[in-house]
């Protein structure tokens, strides 16, 4: 590891420790609400395969979300939140 990379890594870890101790305020932090995919899907009364097809995902990904091994992020998380608030969005997508 070069000295420059080591120095950057050391500085980053020192900053993380300072944030944890409350000595420094964290900068931009992105947080995602964890979406309950299984609750959304069962509320729609659809299979995992149908759900995956409509939202443009794979069956394995939906299974991973439902078992909490992975969490949807980014645009997919926003889509799922929108569907949970307005289930008619799912039907609109199904008709596309």
Protein backbone atom coordinates (compact mmCIF):
# COMPACT_ATOMS: atom_id res chain seq x y z
CA UNK A 1 0.00 0.00 0.00
CA UNK A 2 1.45 3.36 -0.95
CA UNK A 3 2.07 6.06 1.65
CA UNK A 4 -0.60 8.27 0.07
CA UNK A 5 -3.30 5.61 0.28
CA UNK A 6 -2.26 4.69 3.82
CA UNK A 7 -2.37 8.36 4.86
CA UNK A 8 -5.85 8.79 3.34
CA UNK A 9 -7.08 5.63 5.04
CA UNK A 10 -5.63 6.69 8.40
CA UNK A 11 -7.19 10.16 8.12
CA UNK A 12 -10.54 8.62 7.23
CA UNK A 13 -10.46 6.29 10.23
CA UNK A 14 -9.47 9.12 12.56
CA UNK A 15 -12.39 11.15 11.23
CA UNK A 16 -14.77 8.22 11.79
CA UNK A 17 -13.57 7.87 15.39
CA UNK A 18 -14.02 11.61 15.99
CA UNK A 19 -17.58 11.45 14.59
CA UNK A 20 -18.37 8.43 16.79
CA UNK A 21 -17.07 10.29 19.88
CA UNK A 22 -19.15 13.36 19.01
CA UNK A 23 -16.07 15.50 18.44
CA UNK A 24 -16.93 16.06 14.79
CA UNK A 25 -20.21 16.28 12.93
CA UNK A 26 -20.76 13.89 10.04
CA UNK A 27 -21.04 15.41 6.58
CA UNK A 28 -23.54 14.18 4.00
CA UNK A 29 -25.14 10.97 5.22
CA UNK A 30 -27.60 9.07 3.06
CA UNK A 31 -30.13 6.98 4.91
CA UNK A 32 -32.74 4.73 3.36
CA UNK A 33 -35.91 3.62 5.08
CA UNK A 34 -36.02 -0.15 4.94
CA UNK A 35 -39.01 -1.16 2.86
CA UNK A 36 -41.04 -4.22 3.92
CA UNK A 37 -41.21 -5.80 0.48
CA UNK A 38 -43.11 -8.87 1.63
CA UNK A 39 -45.84 -6.74 3.24
CA UNK A 40 -46.19 -4.69 0.06
CA UNK A 41 -46.36 -7.79 -2.16
CA UNK A 42 -48.77 -9.73 0.04
CA UNK A 43 -50.96 -6.65 0.33
CA UNK A 44 -51.17 -6.64 -3.44
CA UNK A 45 -52.00 -10.39 -3.39
CA UNK A 46 -49.44 -11.25 -6.07
CA UNK A 47 -46.75 -13.90 -6.35
CA UNK A 48 -43.08 -13.14 -5.96
CA UNK A 49 -42.56 -13.86 -9.67
CA UNK A 50 -45.34 -11.50 -10.76
CA UNK A 51 -44.05 -8.80 -8.42
CA UNK A 52 -40.51 -9.19 -9.77
CA UNK A 53 -41.71 -9.00 -13.38
CA UNK A 54 -43.78 -5.87 -12.82
CA UNK A 55 -41.10 -3.89 -10.95
CA UNK A 56 -38.36 -5.02 -13.33
CA UNK A 57 -36.42 -7.14 -10.89
CA UNK A 58 -35.43 -10.78 -10.63
CA UNK A 59 -37.22 -13.38 -8.53
CA UNK A 60 -34.01 -14.00 -6.57
CA UNK A 61 -33.73 -10.30 -5.73
CA UNK A 62 -37.31 -10.18 -4.44
CA UNK A 63 -36.62 -13.28 -2.33
CA UNK A 64 -33.48 -11.62 -0.93
CA UNK A 65 -35.43 -8.50 -0.01
CA UNK A 66 -38.19 -10.49 1.65
CA UNK A 67 -35.73 -12.57 3.68
CA UNK A 68 -33.93 -9.33 4.71
CA UNK A 69 -30.61 -10.50 3.23
CA UNK A 70 -30.61 -7.38 1.05
CA UNK A 71 -32.49 -4.11 1.02
CA UNK A 72 -33.74 -2.24 -2.02
CA UNK A 73 -31.98 1.08 -2.52
CA UNK A 74 -32.06 4.06 -4.83
CA UNK A 75 -34.85 4.30 -7.42
CA UNK A 76 -36.18 0.84 -6.56
CA UNK A 77 -36.62 1.78 -2.90
CA UNK A 78 -38.46 4.93 -3.94
CA UNK A 79 -40.69 2.94 -6.31
CA UNK A 80 -41.56 0.47 -3.56
CA UNK A 81 -42.36 3.27 -1.13
CA UNK A 82 -44.62 4.84 -3.76
CA UNK A 83 -46.37 1.49 -4.36
CA UNK A 84 -46.86 1.02 -0.61
CA UNK A 85 -48.55 4.43 -0.39
CA UNK A 86 -50.50 4.14 -3.65
CA UNK A 87 -51.07 0.50 -4.68
CA UNK A 88 -52.68 1.64 -7.93
CA UNK A 89 -49.17 2.46 -9.16
CA UNK A 90 -48.49 -1.29 -9.21
CA UNK A 91 -51.54 -1.85 -11.41
CA UNK A 92 -50.43 0.96 -13.72
CA UNK A 93 -47.02 -0.69 -14.06
CA UNK A 94 -48.63 -4.05 -14.68
CA UNK A 95 -50.51 -2.57 -17.63
CA UNK A 96 -47.37 -1.11 -19.24
